[in-house]
Amino acid sequence: MNYELLISNRRSIRKFTDRKVSQEILNDILRETCMAPNSSNGQPWHFIIVNDTATIELLSEESKKIF
């Protein structure tokens, strides 16, 4: 499935696998995401990619405390 098709058919997912996303796919997603329309072409975004499982779990637990 290509990224455009993926985005147009997106839905909320609650079950995740342990399968890693390749750096090439991450780069494609970031490059295409940066093409999104934005005010005055300001491109105000910043991305942080977390690949470390322990860090992901820590962020998940901390975010649950907020909600």
PDB file of N, CA and C in Angstrom:
ATOM      1  N   MET A   1       0.861  -1.176   0.000  1.00  0.00           N
ATOM      2  CA  MET A   1       0.000   0.000   0.000  1.00  0.00           C
ATOM      3  C   MET A   1       0.902   1.233   0.000  1.00  0.00           C
ATOM      4  N   ASN A   2       0.599   2.177  -0.867  1.00  0.00           N
ATOM      5  CA  ASN A   2       1.391   3.405  -0.869  1.00  0.00           C
ATOM      6  C   ASN A   2       0.846   4.385   0.179  1.00  0.00           C
ATOM      7  N   TYR A   3       1.649   5.361   0.493  1.00  0.00           N
ATOM      8  CA  TYR A   3       1.327   6.301   1.568  1.00  0.00           C
ATOM      9  C   TYR A   3       0.039   7.068   1.286  1.00  0.00           C
ATOM     10  N   GLU A   4      -0.143   7.511   0.043  1.00  0.00           N
ATOM     11  CA  GLU A   4      -1.345   8.269  -0.295  1.00  0.00           C
ATOM     12  C   GLU A   4      -2.600   7.433  -0.048  1.00  0.00           C
ATOM     13  N   LEU A   5      -2.562   6.188  -0.450  1.00  0.00           N
ATOM     14  CA  LEU A   5      -3.698   5.297  -0.226  1.00  0.00           C
ATOM     15  C   LEU A   5      -3.892   5.052   1.272  1.00  0.00           C
ATOM     16  N   LEU A   6      -2.804   4.896   1.981  1.00  0.00           N
ATOM     17  CA  LEU A   6      -2.865   4.697   3.427  1.00  0.00           C
ATOM     18  C   LEU A   6      -3.565   5.869   4.107  1.00  0.00           C
ATOM     19  N   ILE A   7      -3.174   7.085   3.765  1.00  0.00           N
ATOM     20  CA  ILE A   7      -3.760   8.277   4.382  1.00  0.00           C
ATOM     21  C   ILE A   7      -5.238   8.412   4.025  1.00  0.00           C
ATOM     22  N   SER A   8      -5.577   8.141   2.782  1.00  0.00           N
ATOM     23  CA  SER A   8      -6.979   8.309   2.372  1.00  0.00           C
ATOM     24  C   SER A   8      -7.887   7.253   2.994  1.00  0.00           C
ATOM     25  N   ASN A   9      -7.328   6.134   3.455  1.00  0.00           N
ATOM     26  CA  ASN A   9      -8.123   5.070   4.068  1.00  0.00           C
ATOM     27  C   ASN A   9      -7.830   4.913   5.554  1.00  0.00           C
ATOM     28  N   ARG A  10      -7.321   5.966   6.184  1.00  0.00           N
ATOM     29  CA  ARG A  10      -6.888   5.873   7.577  1.00  0.00           C
ATOM     30  C   ARG A  10      -8.069   5.658   8.526  1.00  0.00           C
ATOM     31  N   ARG A  11      -7.732   5.090   9.673  1.00  0.00           N
ATOM     32  CA  ARG A  11      -8.705   4.877  10.743  1.00  0.00           C
ATOM     33  C   ARG A  11      -7.936   4.759  12.049  1.00  0.00           C
ATOM     34  N   SER A  12      -8.634   4.823  13.141  1.00  0.00           N
ATOM     35  CA  SER A  12      -7.999   4.737  14.451  1.00  0.00           C
ATOM     36  C   SER A  12      -7.624   3.283  14.742  1.00  0.00           C
ATOM     37  N   ILE A  13      -6.401   3.091  15.213  1.00  0.00           N
ATOM     38  CA  ILE A  13      -5.908   1.746  15.519  1.00  0.00           C
ATOM     39  C   ILE A  13      -5.581   1.682  17.007  1.00  0.00           C
ATOM     40  N   ARG A  14      -6.010   0.647  17.663  1.00  0.00           N
ATOM     41  CA  ARG A  14      -5.728   0.483  19.092  1.00  0.00           C
ATOM     42  C   ARG A  14      -4.814  -0.712  19.365  1.00  0.00           C
ATOM     43  N   LYS A  15      -4.624  -1.580  18.378  1.00  0.00           N
ATOM     44  CA  LYS A  15      -3.728  -2.725  18.537  1.00  0.00           C
ATOM     45  C   LYS A  15      -2.503  -2.502  17.668  1.00  0.00           C
ATOM     46  N   PHE A  16      -1.334  -2.590  18.277  1.00  0.00           N
ATOM     47  CA  PHE A  16      -0.096  -2.362  17.557  1.00  0.00           C
ATOM     48  C   PHE A  16       0.759  -3.619  17.605  1.00  0.00           C
ATOM     49  N   THR A  17       1.618  -3.768  16.623  1.00  0.00           N
ATOM     50  CA  THR A  17       2.553  -4.889  16.600  1.00  0.00           C
ATOM     51  C   THR A  17       3.937  -4.386  17.000  1.00  0.00           C
ATOM     52  N   ASP A  18       4.843  -5.308  17.219  1.00  0.00           N
ATOM     53  CA  ASP A  18       6.222  -4.956  17.560  1.00  0.00           C
ATOM     54  C   ASP A  18       7.070  -4.742  16.308  1.00  0.00           C
ATOM     55  N   ARG A  19       6.465  -4.802  15.158  1.00  0.00           N
ATOM     56  CA  ARG A  19       7.202  -4.664  13.903  1.00  0.00           C
ATOM     57  C   ARG A  19       7.752  -3.251  13.772  1.00  0.00           C
ATOM     58  N   LYS A  20       9.033  -3.136  13.470  1.00  0.00           N
ATOM     59  CA  LYS A  20       9.688  -1.838  13.319  1.00  0.00           C
ATOM     60  C   LYS A  20       9.392  -1.252  11.929  1.00  0.00           C
ATOM     61  N   VAL A  21       9.316   0.067  11.876  1.00  0.00           N
ATOM     62  CA  VAL A  21       9.133   0.779  10.609  1.00  0.00           C
ATOM     63  C   VAL A  21      10.523   1.145  10.098  1.00  0.00           C
ATOM     64  N   SER A  22      10.779   0.864   8.837  1.00  0.00           N
ATOM     65  CA  SER A  22      12.111   1.128   8.295  1.00  0.00           C
ATOM     66  C   SER A  22      12.383   2.627   8.212  1.00  0.00           C
ATOM     67  N   GLN A  23      13.655   2.976   8.255  1.00  0.00           N
ATOM     68  CA  GLN A  23      14.055   4.382   8.153  1.00  0.00           C
ATOM     69  C   GLN A  23      13.603   4.969   6.821  1.00  0.00           C
ATOM     70  N   GLU A  24      13.634   4.177   5.766  1.00  0.00           N
ATOM     71  CA  GLU A  24      13.199   4.651   4.445  1.00  0.00           C
ATOM     72  C   GLU A  24      11.720   5.048   4.466  1.00  0.00           C
ATOM     73  N   ILE A  25      10.898   4.239   5.093  1.00  0.00           N
ATOM     74  CA  ILE A  25       9.464   4.560   5.183  1.00  0.00           C
ATOM     75  C   ILE A  25       9.256   5.802   6.046  1.00  0.00           C
ATOM     76  N   LEU A  26       9.964   5.896   7.167  1.00  0.00           N
ATOM     77  CA  LEU A  26       9.855   7.092   8.015  1.00  0.00           C
ATOM     78  C   LEU A  26      10.246   8.345   7.238  1.00  0.00           C
ATOM     79  N   ASN A  27      11.320   8.260   6.471  1.00  0.00           N
ATOM     80  CA  ASN A  27      11.751   9.409   5.666  1.00  0.00           C
ATOM     81  C   ASN A  27      10.691   9.793   4.651  1.00  0.00           C
ATOM     82  N   ASP A  28      10.079   8.799   4.003  1.00  0.00           N
ATOM     83  CA  ASP A  28       9.009   9.070   3.033  1.00  0.00           C
ATOM     84  C   ASP A  28       7.832   9.772   3.703  1.00  0.00           C
ATOM     85  N   ILE A  29       7.426   9.274   4.860  1.00  0.00           N
ATOM     86  CA  ILE A  29       6.294   9.865   5.575  1.00  0.00           C
ATOM     87  C   ILE A  29       6.599  11.308   5.969  1.00  0.00           C
ATOM     88  N   LEU A  30       7.785  11.549   6.504  1.00  0.00           N
ATOM     89  CA  LEU A  30       8.156  12.909   6.895  1.00  0.00           C
ATOM     90  C   LEU A  30       8.215  13.841   5.695  1.00  0.00           C
ATOM     91  N   ARG A  31       8.816  13.392   4.608  1.00  0.00           N
ATOM     92  CA  ARG A  31       8.927  14.226   3.409  1.00  0.00           C
ATOM     93  C   ARG A  31       7.537  14.586   2.877  1.00  0.00           C
ATOM     94  N   GLU A  32       6.649  13.606   2.799  1.00  0.00           N
ATOM     95  CA  GLU A  32       5.309  13.860   2.271  1.00  0.00           C
ATOM     96  C   GLU A  32       4.463  14.675   3.248  1.00  0.00           C
ATOM     97  N   THR A  33       4.661  14.481   4.539  1.00  0.00           N
ATOM     98  CA  THR A  33       3.932  15.256   5.542  1.00  0.00           C
ATOM     99  C   THR A  33       4.302  16.731   5.461  1.00  0.00           C
ATOM    100  N   CYS A  34       5.569  17.012   5.192  1.00  0.00           N
ATOM    101  CA  CYS A  34       6.028  18.404   5.098  1.00  0.00           C
ATOM    102  C   CYS A  34       5.447  19.130   3.885  1.00  0.00           C
ATOM    103  N   MET A  35       4.852  18.389   2.972  1.00  0.00           N
ATOM    104  CA  MET A  35       4.227  19.005   1.804  1.00  0.00           C
ATOM    105  C   MET A  35       2.805  19.476   2.093  1.00  0.00           C
ATOM    106  N   ALA A  36       2.315  19.237   3.302  1.00  0.00           N
ATOM    107  CA  ALA A  36       0.955  19.635   3.657  1.00  0.00           C
ATOM    108  C   ALA A  36       0.828  21.157   3.628  1.00  0.00           C
ATOM    109  N   PRO A  37      -0.335  21.658   3.230  1.00  0.00           N
ATOM    110  CA  PRO A  37      -0.538  23.112   3.232  1.00  0.00           C
ATOM    111  C   PRO A  37      -0.378  23.685   4.635  1.00  0.00           C
ATOM    112  N   ASN A  38       0.167  24.884   4.700  1.00  0.00           N
ATOM    113  CA  ASN A  38       0.311  25.559   5.984  1.00  0.00           C
ATOM    114  C   ASN A  38       0.318  27.068   5.748  1.00  0.00           C
ATOM    115  N   SER A  39       0.060  27.791   6.780  1.00  0.00           N
ATOM    116  CA  SER A  39      -0.082  29.240   6.688  1.00  0.00           C
ATOM    117  C   SER A  39       1.206  29.908   6.212  1.00  0.00           C
ATOM    118  N   SER A  40       1.117  30.647   5.148  1.00  0.00           N
ATOM    119  CA  SER A  40       2.230  31.424   4.585  1.00  0.00           C
ATOM    120  C   SER A  40       3.495  30.590   4.376  1.00  0.00           C
ATOM    121  N   ASN A  41       3.309  29.307   4.127  1.00  0.00           N
ATOM    122  CA  ASN A  41       4.428  28.379   3.931  1.00  0.00           C
ATOM    123  C   ASN A  41       5.425  28.469   5.088  1.00  0.00           C
ATOM    124  N   GLY A  42       4.909  28.687   6.301  1.00  0.00           N
ATOM    125  CA  GLY A  42       5.767  28.825   7.469  1.00  0.00           C
ATOM    126  C   GLY A  42       6.415  27.532   7.917  1.00  0.00           C
ATOM    127  N   GLN A  43       5.835  26.413   7.549  1.00  0.00           N
ATOM    128  CA  GLN A  43       6.321  25.087   7.925  1.00  0.00           C
ATOM    129  C   GLN A  43       6.724  25.044   9.399  1.00  0.00           C
ATOM    130  N   PRO A  44       5.747  25.234  10.301  1.00  0.00           N
ATOM    131  CA  PRO A  44       6.036  25.392  11.723  1.00  0.00           C
ATOM    132  C   PRO A  44       6.256  24.080  12.482  1.00  0.00           C
ATOM    133  N   TRP A  45       6.428  22.974  11.801  1.00  0.00           N
ATOM    134  CA  TRP A  45       6.478  21.693  12.491  1.00  0.00           C
ATOM    135  C   TRP A  45       7.883  21.268  12.897  1.00  0.00           C
ATOM    136  N   HIS A  46       7.880  20.427  13.906  1.00  0.00           N
ATOM    137  CA  HIS A  46       9.098  19.776  14.391  1.00  0.00           C
ATOM    138  C   HIS A  46       8.712  18.332  14.674  1.00  0.00           C
ATOM    139  N   PHE A  47       9.531  17.403  14.282  1.00  0.00           N
ATOM    140  CA  PHE A  47       9.237  15.991  14.472  1.00  0.00           C
ATOM    141  C   PHE A  47      10.291  15.351  15.352  1.00  0.00           C
ATOM    142  N   ILE A  48       9.839  14.476  16.219  1.00  0.00           N
ATOM    143  CA  ILE A  48      10.737  13.662  17.027  1.00  0.00           C
ATOM    144  C   ILE A  48      10.307  12.218  16.828  1.00  0.00           C
ATOM    145  N   ILE A  49      11.205  11.403  16.334  1.00  0.00           N
ATOM    146  CA  ILE A  49      10.911   9.995  16.099  1.00  0.00           C
ATOM    147  C   ILE A  49      11.555   9.193  17.225  1.00  0.00           C
ATOM    148  N   VAL A  50      10.736   8.433  17.918  1.00  0.00           N
ATOM    149  CA  VAL A  50      11.225   7.619  19.037  1.00  0.00           C
ATOM    150  C   VAL A  50      11.154   6.156  18.614  1.00  0.00           C
ATOM    151  N   ASN A  51      12.299   5.509  18.558  1.00  0.00           N
ATOM    152  CA  ASN A  51      12.367   4.102  18.174  1.00  0.00           C
ATOM    153  C   ASN A  51      12.632   3.174  19.350  1.00  0.00           C
ATOM    154  N   ASP A  52      13.074   3.710  20.454  1.00  0.00           N
ATOM    155  CA  ASP A  52      13.437   2.913  21.609  1.00  0.00           C
ATOM    156  C   ASP A  52      12.179   2.469  22.358  1.00  0.00           C
ATOM    157  N   THR A  53      11.993   1.165  22.481  1.00  0.00           N
ATOM    158  CA  THR A  53      10.781   0.616  23.091  1.00  0.00           C
ATOM    159  C   THR A  53      10.587   1.102  24.525  1.00  0.00           C
ATOM    160  N   ALA A  54      11.650   1.154  25.302  1.00  0.00           N
ATOM    161  CA  ALA A  54      11.529   1.601  26.695  1.00  0.00           C
ATOM    162  C   ALA A  54      11.072   3.057  26.762  1.00  0.00           C
ATOM    163  N   THR A  55      11.585   3.887  25.885  1.00  0.00           N
ATOM    164  CA  THR A  55      11.190   5.296  25.856  1.00  0.00           C
ATOM    165  C   THR A  55       9.735   5.435  25.429  1.00  0.00           C
ATOM    166  N   ILE A  56       9.321   4.649  24.461  1.00  0.00           N
ATOM    167  CA  ILE A  56       7.926   4.674  24.005  1.00  0.00           C
ATOM    168  C   ILE A  56       6.996   4.294  25.160  1.00  0.00           C
ATOM    169  N   GLU A  57       7.358   3.251  25.896  1.00  0.00           N
ATOM    170  CA  GLU A  57       6.536   2.819  27.028  1.00  0.00           C
ATOM    171  C   GLU A  57       6.486   3.890  28.115  1.00  0.00           C
ATOM    172  N   LEU A  58       7.618   4.521  28.383  1.00  0.00           N
ATOM    173  CA  LEU A  58       7.661   5.591  29.378  1.00  0.00           C
ATOM    174  C   LEU A  58       6.778   6.762  28.948  1.00  0.00           C
ATOM    175  N   LEU A  59       6.876   7.166  27.703  1.00  0.00           N
ATOM    176  CA  LEU A  59       6.042   8.262  27.198  1.00  0.00           C
ATOM    177  C   LEU A  59       4.563   7.896  27.267  1.00  0.00           C
ATOM    178  N   SER A  60       4.251   6.651  26.967  1.00  0.00           N
ATOM    179  CA  SER A  60       2.861   6.190  27.033  1.00  0.00           C
ATOM    180  C   SER A  60       2.333   6.278  28.454  1.00  0.00           C
ATOM    181  N   GLU A  61       3.098   5.770  29.405  1.00  0.00           N
ATOM    182  CA  GLU A  61       2.673   5.801  30.801  1.00  0.00           C
ATOM    183  C   GLU A  61       2.521   7.231  31.317  1.00  0.00           C
ATOM    184  N   GLU A  62       3.457   8.094  30.981  1.00  0.00           N
ATOM    185  CA  GLU A  62       3.397   9.484  31.436  1.00  0.00           C
ATOM    186  C   GLU A  62       2.186  10.213  30.819  1.00  0.00           C
ATOM    187  N   SER A  63       1.920   9.941  29.553  1.00  0.00           N
ATOM    188  CA  SER A  63       0.790  10.619  28.904  1.00  0.00           C
ATOM    189  C   SER A  63      -0.535  10.160  29.473  1.00  0.00           C
ATOM    190  N   LYS A  64      -0.617   8.904  29.910  1.00  0.00           N
ATOM    191  CA  LYS A  64      -1.856   8.398  30.526  1.00  0.00           C
ATOM    192  C   LYS A  64      -2.149   9.123  31.831  1.00  0.00           C
ATOM    193  N   LYS A  65      -1.121   9.554  32.530  1.00  0.00           N
ATOM    194  CA  LYS A  65      -1.316  10.288  33.789  1.00  0.00           C
ATOM    195  C   LYS A  65      -2.003  11.633  33.556  1.00  0.00           C
ATOM    196  N   ILE A  66      -1.761  12.212  32.403  1.00  0.00           N
ATOM    197  CA  ILE A  66      -2.350  13.518  32.075  1.00  0.00           C
ATOM    198  C   ILE A  66      -3.849  13.379  31.810  1.00  0.00           C
ATOM    199  N   PHE A  67      -4.228  12.284  31.188  1.00  0.00           N
ATOM    200  CA  PHE A  67      -5.626  12.097  30.832  1.00  0.00           C
ATOM    201  C   PHE A  67      -6.342  11.323  31.898  1.00  0.00           C
TER     202      PHE A  67
END
